[in-house]
């Protein structure tokens, strides 16, 4: 029996730009993020139960999303995983901390220092 965990966000009239949802049992329901958090630029879903591209499709509606982390999710085992995600989510620059040319994302601390 497959268990789907619904994402229930109570944001108290805030719309975050960064969201840390790592190490949960999220396997779907990502469409709520576009509705509740339309300004997301960074989303960490690492260590969850995300298995396939259809689950991630819902993130296409996050037009400001630049960085997505799916490290340690089952989806990373798919053949051509990185290419498929970059093709599906054309708005993102970084996937699992690296861009399409395998350049590492800058540290947010470094950006704050500038």
N, C-alpha and C. Protein backbone atom coordinates (compact mmCIF):
# COMPACT_ATOMS: atom_id res chain seq x y z
N UNK A 1 0.85 -1.18 0.00
CA UNK A 1 0.00 0.00 0.00
C UNK A 1 0.89 1.24 0.00
N UNK A 2 0.66 2.10 -0.96
CA UNK A 2 1.45 3.32 -1.07
C UNK A 2 0.84 4.42 -0.20
N UNK A 3 1.68 5.02 0.59
CA UNK A 3 1.22 6.09 1.47
C UNK A 3 1.62 7.43 0.86
N UNK A 4 0.65 8.29 0.69
CA UNK A 4 0.92 9.64 0.19
C UNK A 4 0.74 10.61 1.34
N UNK A 5 1.75 11.42 1.54
CA UNK A 5 1.70 12.41 2.61
C UNK A 5 1.30 13.73 1.97
N UNK A 6 0.24 14.33 2.48
CA UNK A 6 -0.19 15.62 1.97
C UNK A 6 0.63 16.72 2.62
N UNK A 7 0.97 17.69 1.83
CA UNK A 7 1.69 18.85 2.35
C UNK A 7 0.66 19.84 2.85
N UNK A 8 0.74 20.15 4.12
CA UNK A 8 -0.18 21.11 4.71
C UNK A 8 0.64 22.28 5.21
N UNK A 9 0.51 23.41 4.55
CA UNK A 9 1.29 24.58 4.91
C UNK A 9 0.42 25.64 5.56
N UNK A 10 0.82 26.05 6.73
CA UNK A 10 0.17 27.16 7.38
C UNK A 10 1.20 28.28 7.46
N UNK A 11 1.06 29.27 6.62
CA UNK A 11 2.09 30.28 6.47
C UNK A 11 1.76 31.61 7.12
N UNK A 12 0.58 31.74 7.68
CA UNK A 12 0.17 32.97 8.37
C UNK A 12 0.45 34.22 7.53
N UNK A 13 -0.13 34.24 6.35
CA UNK A 13 -0.04 35.39 5.44
C UNK A 13 1.37 35.72 4.98
N UNK A 14 2.25 34.72 4.97
CA UNK A 14 3.60 34.93 4.47
C UNK A 14 3.80 34.03 3.25
N UNK A 15 4.61 34.49 2.34
CA UNK A 15 4.96 33.69 1.19
C UNK A 15 6.49 33.61 1.12
N UNK A 16 7.07 32.53 1.65
CA UNK A 16 8.53 32.44 1.71
C UNK A 16 9.17 32.32 0.34
N UNK A 17 10.42 32.75 0.27
CA UNK A 17 11.20 32.58 -0.95
C UNK A 17 12.04 31.31 -0.87
N UNK A 18 12.32 30.85 0.33
CA UNK A 18 13.09 29.63 0.54
C UNK A 18 12.31 28.69 1.44
N UNK A 19 12.32 27.41 1.08
CA UNK A 19 11.56 26.43 1.86
C UNK A 19 12.39 25.17 2.03
N UNK A 20 12.54 24.74 3.27
CA UNK A 20 13.31 23.56 3.64
C UNK A 20 12.33 22.46 4.05
N UNK A 21 12.16 21.45 3.20
CA UNK A 21 11.26 20.33 3.48
C UNK A 21 12.00 18.99 3.42
N UNK A 22 13.29 19.01 3.70
CA UNK A 22 14.10 17.80 3.58
C UNK A 22 13.77 16.79 4.68
N UNK A 23 14.06 15.53 4.36
CA UNK A 23 13.95 14.41 5.30
C UNK A 23 12.57 14.25 5.92
N UNK A 24 11.56 14.29 5.07
CA UNK A 24 10.19 13.99 5.45
C UNK A 24 9.77 12.75 4.67
N UNK A 25 8.49 12.50 4.57
CA UNK A 25 8.02 11.36 3.77
C UNK A 25 7.14 11.86 2.63
N UNK A 26 7.51 13.00 2.08
CA UNK A 26 6.73 13.60 0.99
C UNK A 26 6.90 12.76 -0.27
N UNK A 27 5.76 12.36 -0.85
CA UNK A 27 5.81 11.58 -2.09
C UNK A 27 4.93 12.20 -3.17
N UNK A 28 4.26 13.28 -2.86
CA UNK A 28 3.39 13.94 -3.83
C UNK A 28 2.80 15.19 -3.21
N UNK A 29 1.81 15.75 -3.89
CA UNK A 29 1.12 16.92 -3.37
C UNK A 29 1.87 18.21 -3.53
N UNK A 30 2.86 18.24 -4.43
CA UNK A 30 3.69 19.43 -4.57
C UNK A 30 2.94 20.61 -5.20
N UNK A 31 1.77 20.34 -5.81
CA UNK A 31 1.01 21.43 -6.43
C UNK A 31 0.60 22.50 -5.41
N UNK A 32 0.49 22.14 -4.15
CA UNK A 32 0.11 23.11 -3.13
C UNK A 32 1.20 24.19 -2.96
N UNK A 33 2.43 23.85 -3.31
CA UNK A 33 3.50 24.84 -3.18
C UNK A 33 3.31 26.02 -4.12
N UNK A 34 2.86 25.76 -5.33
CA UNK A 34 2.63 26.85 -6.29
C UNK A 34 1.50 27.75 -5.81
N UNK A 35 0.54 27.16 -5.14
CA UNK A 35 -0.60 27.93 -4.63
C UNK A 35 -0.22 28.73 -3.38
N UNK A 36 0.46 28.09 -2.45
CA UNK A 36 0.77 28.71 -1.16
C UNK A 36 2.07 29.50 -1.14
N UNK A 37 3.00 29.14 -2.02
CA UNK A 37 4.34 29.75 -2.01
C UNK A 37 4.77 30.16 -3.42
N UNK A 38 4.03 31.04 -4.08
CA UNK A 38 4.34 31.36 -5.48
C UNK A 38 5.68 32.06 -5.69
N UNK A 39 6.27 32.60 -4.63
CA UNK A 39 7.52 33.34 -4.76
C UNK A 39 8.76 32.52 -4.45
N UNK A 40 8.60 31.20 -4.32
CA UNK A 40 9.75 30.36 -3.98
C UNK A 40 10.87 30.50 -5.01
N UNK A 41 12.08 30.69 -4.51
CA UNK A 41 13.26 30.69 -5.37
C UNK A 41 14.15 29.49 -5.05
N UNK A 42 14.04 28.96 -3.81
CA UNK A 42 14.85 27.82 -3.37
C UNK A 42 13.94 26.81 -2.67
N UNK A 43 14.04 25.55 -3.07
CA UNK A 43 13.23 24.49 -2.48
C UNK A 43 14.09 23.26 -2.23
N UNK A 44 14.14 22.83 -0.98
CA UNK A 44 14.90 21.63 -0.63
C UNK A 44 13.93 20.51 -0.28
N UNK A 45 13.89 19.50 -1.15
CA UNK A 45 13.06 18.31 -0.95
C UNK A 45 13.92 17.07 -0.77
N UNK A 46 15.19 17.24 -0.46
CA UNK A 46 16.09 16.09 -0.34
C UNK A 46 15.63 15.14 0.76
N UNK A 47 15.91 13.86 0.56
CA UNK A 47 15.59 12.85 1.55
C UNK A 47 14.11 12.52 1.67
N UNK A 48 13.33 12.78 0.63
CA UNK A 48 11.91 12.46 0.64
C UNK A 48 11.62 11.24 -0.23
N UNK A 49 10.36 10.92 -0.42
CA UNK A 49 9.94 9.72 -1.15
C UNK A 49 9.51 10.03 -2.58
N UNK A 50 10.14 11.01 -3.20
CA UNK A 50 9.79 11.41 -4.56
C UNK A 50 10.45 10.44 -5.53
N UNK A 51 9.61 9.80 -6.38
CA UNK A 51 10.09 8.71 -7.22
C UNK A 51 10.13 9.03 -8.71
N UNK A 52 9.20 9.87 -9.19
CA UNK A 52 9.12 10.04 -10.64
C UNK A 52 8.89 11.48 -11.07
N UNK A 53 9.10 11.70 -12.35
CA UNK A 53 9.00 13.04 -12.93
C UNK A 53 7.62 13.65 -12.82
N UNK A 54 6.58 12.81 -12.87
CA UNK A 54 5.22 13.35 -12.81
C UNK A 54 4.97 14.07 -11.48
N UNK A 55 5.61 13.62 -10.43
CA UNK A 55 5.48 14.27 -9.12
C UNK A 55 6.07 15.68 -9.16
N UNK A 56 7.19 15.82 -9.83
CA UNK A 56 7.92 17.08 -9.88
C UNK A 56 7.28 18.07 -10.86
N UNK A 57 6.46 17.57 -11.78
CA UNK A 57 5.80 18.43 -12.78
C UNK A 57 5.07 19.61 -12.15
N UNK A 58 4.50 19.40 -10.99
CA UNK A 58 3.74 20.46 -10.31
C UNK A 58 4.60 21.69 -10.03
N UNK A 59 5.90 21.52 -9.99
CA UNK A 59 6.79 22.64 -9.71
C UNK A 59 6.98 23.57 -10.91
N UNK A 60 6.45 23.18 -12.06
CA UNK A 60 6.53 24.04 -13.25
C UNK A 60 5.84 25.38 -13.00
N UNK A 61 4.86 25.39 -12.11
CA UNK A 61 4.11 26.62 -11.83
C UNK A 61 4.84 27.57 -10.89
N UNK A 62 5.98 27.15 -10.36
CA UNK A 62 6.80 28.03 -9.52
C UNK A 62 7.77 28.78 -10.44
N UNK A 63 7.30 29.86 -11.00
CA UNK A 63 8.04 30.59 -12.05
C UNK A 63 9.33 31.22 -11.55
N UNK A 64 9.45 31.49 -10.23
CA UNK A 64 10.64 32.13 -9.67
C UNK A 64 11.65 31.12 -9.14
N UNK A 65 11.33 29.82 -9.19
CA UNK A 65 12.20 28.80 -8.63
C UNK A 65 13.52 28.74 -9.40
N UNK A 66 14.61 28.92 -8.68
CA UNK A 66 15.94 28.88 -9.29
C UNK A 66 16.77 27.69 -8.82
N UNK A 67 16.51 27.20 -7.61
CA UNK A 67 17.31 26.13 -7.05
C UNK A 67 16.40 25.06 -6.43
N UNK A 68 16.62 23.82 -6.83
CA UNK A 68 15.83 22.68 -6.35
C UNK A 68 16.79 21.59 -5.89
N UNK A 69 16.53 21.04 -4.72
CA UNK A 69 17.36 19.96 -4.20
C UNK A 69 16.51 18.71 -4.02
N UNK A 70 16.86 17.67 -4.76
CA UNK A 70 16.18 16.37 -4.67
C UNK A 70 17.15 15.27 -4.26
N UNK A 71 18.31 15.67 -3.74
CA UNK A 71 19.34 14.73 -3.32
C UNK A 71 18.74 13.68 -2.39
N UNK A 72 19.14 12.44 -2.58
CA UNK A 72 18.71 11.33 -1.72
C UNK A 72 17.22 11.02 -1.83
N UNK A 73 16.62 11.36 -2.96
CA UNK A 73 15.26 10.93 -3.30
C UNK A 73 15.39 9.85 -4.37
N UNK A 74 14.41 8.95 -4.44
CA UNK A 74 14.48 7.86 -5.41
C UNK A 74 14.54 8.35 -6.86
N UNK A 75 13.98 9.51 -7.12
CA UNK A 75 13.97 10.05 -8.48
C UNK A 75 15.38 10.23 -9.05
N UNK A 76 16.36 10.41 -8.16
CA UNK A 76 17.74 10.62 -8.63
C UNK A 76 18.32 9.36 -9.28
N UNK A 77 17.67 8.22 -9.10
CA UNK A 77 18.13 6.97 -9.71
C UNK A 77 17.65 6.78 -11.14
N UNK A 78 16.74 7.65 -11.60
CA UNK A 78 16.24 7.55 -12.97
C UNK A 78 17.35 7.84 -13.97
N UNK A 79 17.30 7.12 -15.09
CA UNK A 79 18.25 7.39 -16.16
C UNK A 79 18.01 8.81 -16.69
N UNK A 80 19.08 9.55 -16.93
CA UNK A 80 19.00 10.93 -17.41
C UNK A 80 18.24 11.84 -16.45
N UNK A 81 18.35 11.56 -15.17
CA UNK A 81 17.64 12.33 -14.14
C UNK A 81 17.88 13.84 -14.27
N UNK A 82 19.14 14.25 -14.27
CA UNK A 82 19.45 15.69 -14.29
C UNK A 82 18.93 16.35 -15.56
N UNK A 83 19.18 15.73 -16.70
CA UNK A 83 18.73 16.29 -17.97
C UNK A 83 17.21 16.41 -18.00
N UNK A 84 16.52 15.40 -17.49
CA UNK A 84 15.06 15.40 -17.48
C UNK A 84 14.49 16.50 -16.60
N UNK A 85 15.10 16.71 -15.43
CA UNK A 85 14.61 17.75 -14.53
C UNK A 85 14.86 19.13 -15.13
N UNK A 86 16.04 19.36 -15.67
CA UNK A 86 16.33 20.66 -16.28
C UNK A 86 15.41 20.93 -17.48
N UNK A 87 15.04 19.89 -18.21
CA UNK A 87 14.12 20.06 -19.34
C UNK A 87 12.70 20.34 -18.86
N UNK A 88 12.28 19.64 -17.82
CA UNK A 88 10.94 19.79 -17.27
C UNK A 88 10.75 21.13 -16.56
N UNK A 89 11.74 21.52 -15.79
CA UNK A 89 11.68 22.75 -15.00
C UNK A 89 12.69 23.75 -15.56
N UNK A 90 12.35 24.35 -16.67
CA UNK A 90 13.30 25.21 -17.37
C UNK A 90 13.65 26.49 -16.62
N UNK A 91 12.87 26.82 -15.59
CA UNK A 91 13.14 28.03 -14.82
C UNK A 91 14.29 27.83 -13.82
N UNK A 92 14.62 26.58 -13.47
CA UNK A 92 15.65 26.39 -12.45
C UNK A 92 17.06 26.53 -13.04
N UNK A 93 17.95 27.04 -12.20
CA UNK A 93 19.36 27.19 -12.56
C UNK A 93 20.19 26.09 -11.91
N UNK A 94 19.81 25.73 -10.68
CA UNK A 94 20.59 24.75 -9.92
C UNK A 94 19.72 23.57 -9.49
N UNK A 95 20.28 22.37 -9.68
CA UNK A 95 19.64 21.13 -9.25
C UNK A 95 20.64 20.40 -8.36
N UNK A 96 20.25 20.12 -7.14
CA UNK A 96 21.12 19.44 -6.18
C UNK A 96 22.45 20.18 -6.00
N UNK A 97 22.39 21.50 -6.09
CA UNK A 97 23.57 22.32 -5.84
C UNK A 97 24.47 22.58 -7.02
N UNK A 98 24.08 22.12 -8.22
CA UNK A 98 24.91 22.30 -9.41
C UNK A 98 24.07 22.73 -10.60
N UNK A 99 24.65 23.55 -11.49
CA UNK A 99 23.93 23.94 -12.70
C UNK A 99 24.09 22.87 -13.78
N UNK A 100 23.58 23.13 -14.96
CA UNK A 100 23.61 22.13 -16.03
C UNK A 100 25.01 21.78 -16.49
N UNK A 101 25.97 22.69 -16.29
CA UNK A 101 27.36 22.42 -16.68
C UNK A 101 28.18 21.90 -15.49
N UNK A 102 27.50 21.46 -14.43
CA UNK A 102 28.14 20.94 -13.21
C UNK A 102 28.96 21.96 -12.45
N UNK A 103 28.61 23.24 -12.58
CA UNK A 103 29.23 24.28 -11.75
C UNK A 103 28.45 24.36 -10.45
N UNK A 104 29.17 24.42 -9.35
CA UNK A 104 28.53 24.45 -8.04
C UNK A 104 27.85 25.79 -7.79
N UNK A 105 26.69 25.73 -7.14
CA UNK A 105 25.95 26.94 -6.78
C UNK A 105 26.76 27.72 -5.75
N UNK A 106 26.73 29.04 -5.83
CA UNK A 106 27.45 29.83 -4.82
C UNK A 106 26.77 29.68 -3.47
N UNK A 107 27.55 29.77 -2.40
CA UNK A 107 26.99 29.73 -1.05
C UNK A 107 26.18 30.98 -0.81
N UNK A 108 25.05 30.83 -0.15
CA UNK A 108 24.23 32.00 0.15
C UNK A 108 24.96 32.92 1.12
N UNK A 109 25.85 32.36 1.96
CA UNK A 109 26.63 33.19 2.87
C UNK A 109 27.57 34.09 2.10
N UNK A 110 28.17 33.56 1.01
CA UNK A 110 29.06 34.37 0.19
C UNK A 110 28.28 35.51 -0.46
N UNK A 111 27.05 35.23 -0.92
CA UNK A 111 26.24 36.26 -1.54
C UNK A 111 25.90 37.34 -0.53
N UNK A 112 25.65 36.96 0.74
CA UNK A 112 25.35 37.93 1.77
C UNK A 112 26.53 38.83 2.07
N UNK A 113 27.76 38.31 1.91
CA UNK A 113 28.96 39.09 2.19
C UNK A 113 29.21 40.15 1.13
N UNK A 114 28.69 39.93 -0.07
CA UNK A 114 28.99 40.85 -1.18
C UNK A 114 28.25 42.15 -1.04
